[in-house]
Amino acid sequence: CRGINPLHILYISFIPQKILRINGSVPWPVHFTSRVLYHQRIKIGKRTAPGFNSCCYIQGRNGIIIGNNVRIGPGVGLISANHNLNDYDKWDKTEPIRIGDNVWIGMNSVVLPGVKIGSNVVIGANSVVDKDIPDNSIALGNPCRVVKRKPDYTGFDYSKL
């Protein structure tokens, strides 16, 4: 959580998470209005905290692998498993969601099961990501599609920490 105001962590996540036990078993800071399910199947990189923004829904039933320096906006849904269409009490098995390094997922976007988002990608607000997104892209829409190539990320390389 380097780079995040410690008082923000205290009021937004520590008290609700560790004292009131809202998302209490999740080992990273989570906003009290967000929901993280199956956190044991979620792997996160440095400077990444899925659910730290408000009203996120992170469901890791089939696994989620998130790289370094990933920003996830408010209201984002990462959904790694769907209900089976013939038996709503069962879940379909798919590949995990994979998100590369230096990715920004805009507000109210949804990433569906099995999607791979490359490194250095921006996903526009309100997008529904149902297909893989390549490295160095700006993508948006419903369904989410690449609209522009993105120059290389110029910020700090957090994979070297």
Protein backbone atom coordinates (compact mmCIF):
# COMPACT_ATOMS: atom_id res chain seq x y z
CA CYS A 1 0.00 0.00 0.00
CA ARG A 2 2.94 2.32 -0.53
CA GLY A 3 1.84 5.71 -1.77
CA ILE A 4 -1.55 5.59 -0.05
CA ASN A 5 -2.30 7.98 2.80
CA PRO A 6 -2.14 5.96 6.07
CA LEU A 7 -5.14 7.83 7.53
CA HIS A 8 -7.15 6.89 4.46
CA ILE A 9 -6.26 3.24 5.03
CA LEU A 10 -7.17 3.54 8.72
CA TYR A 11 -10.67 4.99 8.18
CA ILE A 12 -11.64 3.38 4.88
CA SER A 13 -10.36 -0.13 5.43
CA PHE A 14 -8.60 -0.91 8.73
CA ILE A 15 -11.40 -0.12 11.17
CA PRO A 16 -14.19 -1.73 9.08
CA GLN A 17 -12.00 -4.62 7.94
CA LYS A 18 -10.03 -5.58 11.04
CA ILE A 19 -12.31 -4.41 13.83
CA LEU A 20 -15.82 -4.69 12.34
CA ARG A 21 -14.70 -7.70 10.20
CA ILE A 22 -16.17 -6.45 6.91
CA ASN A 23 -14.02 -8.41 4.39
CA GLY A 24 -12.05 -9.30 7.51
CA SER A 25 -10.18 -12.29 6.11
CA VAL A 26 -8.85 -10.46 3.04
CA PRO A 27 -5.11 -9.79 3.55
CA TRP A 28 -5.02 -6.45 1.65
CA PRO A 29 -6.96 -3.23 2.36
CA VAL A 30 -10.55 -3.28 1.05
CA HIS A 31 -13.09 -0.45 1.16
CA PHE A 32 -15.97 -1.24 3.49
CA THR A 33 -18.51 -0.89 0.63
CA SER A 34 -16.64 -3.34 -1.61
CA ARG A 35 -17.01 -7.10 -1.58
CA VAL A 36 -14.17 -9.60 -2.13
CA LEU A 37 -15.10 -13.28 -2.49
CA TYR A 38 -12.69 -16.23 -2.68
CA HIS A 39 -9.71 -14.02 -1.87
CA GLN A 40 -7.54 -17.13 -1.46
CA ARG A 41 -7.67 -17.60 -5.25
CA ILE A 42 -6.62 -14.02 -6.00
CA LYS A 43 -2.93 -13.21 -6.49
CA ILE A 44 -1.94 -9.55 -6.48
CA GLY A 45 1.24 -7.66 -7.32
CA LYS A 46 2.87 -4.65 -5.70
CA ARG A 47 0.85 -1.41 -5.43
CA THR A 48 -2.35 -3.29 -6.16
CA ALA A 49 -5.39 -3.58 -3.87
CA PRO A 50 -8.51 -4.87 -5.62
CA GLY A 51 -11.58 -3.49 -3.87
CA PHE A 52 -9.78 -0.53 -2.28
CA ASN A 53 -12.14 1.84 -4.08
CA SER A 54 -15.80 1.95 -3.14
CA CYS A 55 -18.52 -0.42 -4.36
CA CYS A 56 -16.27 -2.94 -6.14
CA TYR A 57 -17.25 -6.60 -6.54
CA ILE A 58 -14.27 -8.94 -6.81
CA GLN A 59 -15.19 -12.63 -7.21
CA GLY A 60 -12.23 -14.99 -7.50
CA ARG A 61 -13.94 -18.40 -7.69
CA ASN A 62 -11.90 -19.44 -10.79
CA GLY A 63 -8.91 -17.31 -9.85
CA ILE A 64 -7.68 -13.80 -10.59
CA ILE A 65 -4.02 -12.92 -11.21
CA ILE A 66 -3.27 -9.19 -11.02
CA GLY A 67 0.13 -7.63 -11.78
CA ASN A 68 1.99 -4.69 -10.26
CA ASN A 69 0.69 -1.11 -10.14
CA VAL A 70 -2.90 -1.89 -11.12
CA ARG A 71 -5.52 0.78 -10.40
CA ILE A 72 -9.13 -0.32 -10.11
CA GLY A 73 -11.79 2.41 -10.10
CA PRO A 74 -14.95 2.55 -8.01
CA GLY A 75 -17.75 0.16 -8.89
CA VAL A 76 -15.55 -2.21 -10.90
CA GLY A 77 -16.53 -5.88 -11.09
CA LEU A 78 -13.97 -8.65 -11.61
CA ILE A 79 -16.05 -11.79 -12.09
CA SER A 80 -14.06 -14.99 -12.62
CA ALA A 81 -16.97 -17.47 -12.77
CA ASN A 82 -20.49 -17.55 -14.18
CA HIS A 83 -23.42 -19.68 -13.11
CA ASN A 84 -24.09 -22.70 -15.29
CA LEU A 85 -26.97 -21.92 -17.65
CA ASN A 86 -28.63 -25.32 -17.05
CA ASP A 87 -28.18 -25.48 -13.27
CA TYR A 88 -27.96 -22.14 -11.46
CA ASP A 89 -26.52 -23.82 -8.36
CA LYS A 90 -23.37 -24.81 -10.30
CA TRP A 91 -20.52 -22.67 -11.58
CA ASP A 92 -18.78 -23.01 -14.95
CA LYS A 93 -15.04 -23.69 -14.81
CA THR A 94 -12.93 -21.22 -16.84
CA GLU A 95 -9.39 -19.88 -16.94
CA PRO A 96 -8.58 -17.22 -14.33
CA ILE A 97 -8.77 -13.53 -15.13
CA ARG A 98 -5.23 -12.26 -15.83
CA ILE A 99 -4.37 -8.57 -15.56
CA GLY A 100 -0.85 -7.36 -16.44
CA ASP A 101 1.31 -4.61 -14.93
CA ASN A 102 0.49 -0.87 -15.05
CA VAL A 103 -3.21 -1.27 -15.81
CA TRP A 104 -5.98 1.20 -15.04
CA ILE A 105 -9.56 -0.10 -15.03
CA GLY A 106 -12.06 2.77 -15.13
CA MET A 107 -15.13 3.27 -12.98
CA ASN A 108 -18.04 0.80 -13.27
CA SER A 109 -16.24 -1.50 -15.71
CA VAL A 110 -16.79 -5.26 -15.61
CA VAL A 111 -14.18 -7.89 -16.47
CA LEU A 112 -15.74 -11.25 -17.33
CA PRO A 113 -14.38 -14.79 -16.75
CA GLY A 114 -11.23 -15.96 -18.53
CA VAL A 115 -10.25 -12.53 -19.89
CA LYS A 116 -6.58 -11.57 -20.22
CA ILE A 117 -5.72 -7.87 -20.02
CA GLY A 118 -2.14 -7.12 -21.09
CA SER A 119 0.33 -4.74 -19.47
CA ASN A 120 0.18 -0.95 -19.89
CA VAL A 121 -3.56 -0.91 -20.63
CA VAL A 122 -6.30 1.60 -19.84
CA ILE A 123 -9.88 0.32 -19.74
CA GLY A 124 -12.40 3.16 -20.12
CA ALA A 125 -15.23 3.74 -17.66
CA ASN A 126 -18.39 1.63 -18.00
CA SER A 127 -16.70 -0.94 -20.24
CA VAL A 128 -17.61 -4.63 -20.36
CA VAL A 129 -14.42 -6.59 -21.03
CA ASP A 130 -15.46 -9.89 -22.60
CA LYS A 131 -12.39 -10.55 -24.81
CA ASP A 132 -8.63 -10.37 -24.31
CA ILE A 133 -7.01 -6.91 -24.51
CA PRO A 134 -3.40 -6.74 -25.83
CA ASP A 135 -0.49 -4.87 -24.22
CA ASN A 136 -0.12 -1.10 -24.73
CA SER A 137 -3.79 -0.45 -25.50
CA ILE A 138 -6.59 1.92 -24.65
CA ALA A 139 -9.87 0.02 -24.76
CA LEU A 140 -13.46 0.97 -23.98
CA GLY A 141 -17.08 0.28 -24.66
CA ASN A 142 -19.69 -2.44 -24.38
CA PRO A 143 -18.34 -4.76 -25.61
CA CYS A 144 -14.87 -3.43 -24.82
CA ARG A 145 -12.66 -2.93 -27.88
CA VAL A 146 -9.21 -1.44 -28.47
CA VAL A 147 -9.54 2.11 -29.79
CA LYS A 148 -5.94 3.29 -29.64
CA ARG A 149 -2.36 2.15 -29.06
CA LYS A 150 -0.78 3.50 -25.89
CA PRO A 151 2.84 4.60 -25.53
CA ASP A 152 5.07 2.74 -23.08
CA TYR A 153 4.44 3.30 -19.37
CA THR A 154 6.86 5.96 -18.09
CA GLY A 155 6.26 5.58 -14.35
CA PHE A 156 8.38 3.64 -11.87
CA ASP A 157 8.91 -0.09 -12.56
CA TYR A 158 7.37 -1.67 -9.44
CA SER A 159 8.38 -5.17 -10.47
CA LYS A 160 11.93 -4.26 -9.34
CA LEU A 161 10.89 -3.58 -5.72
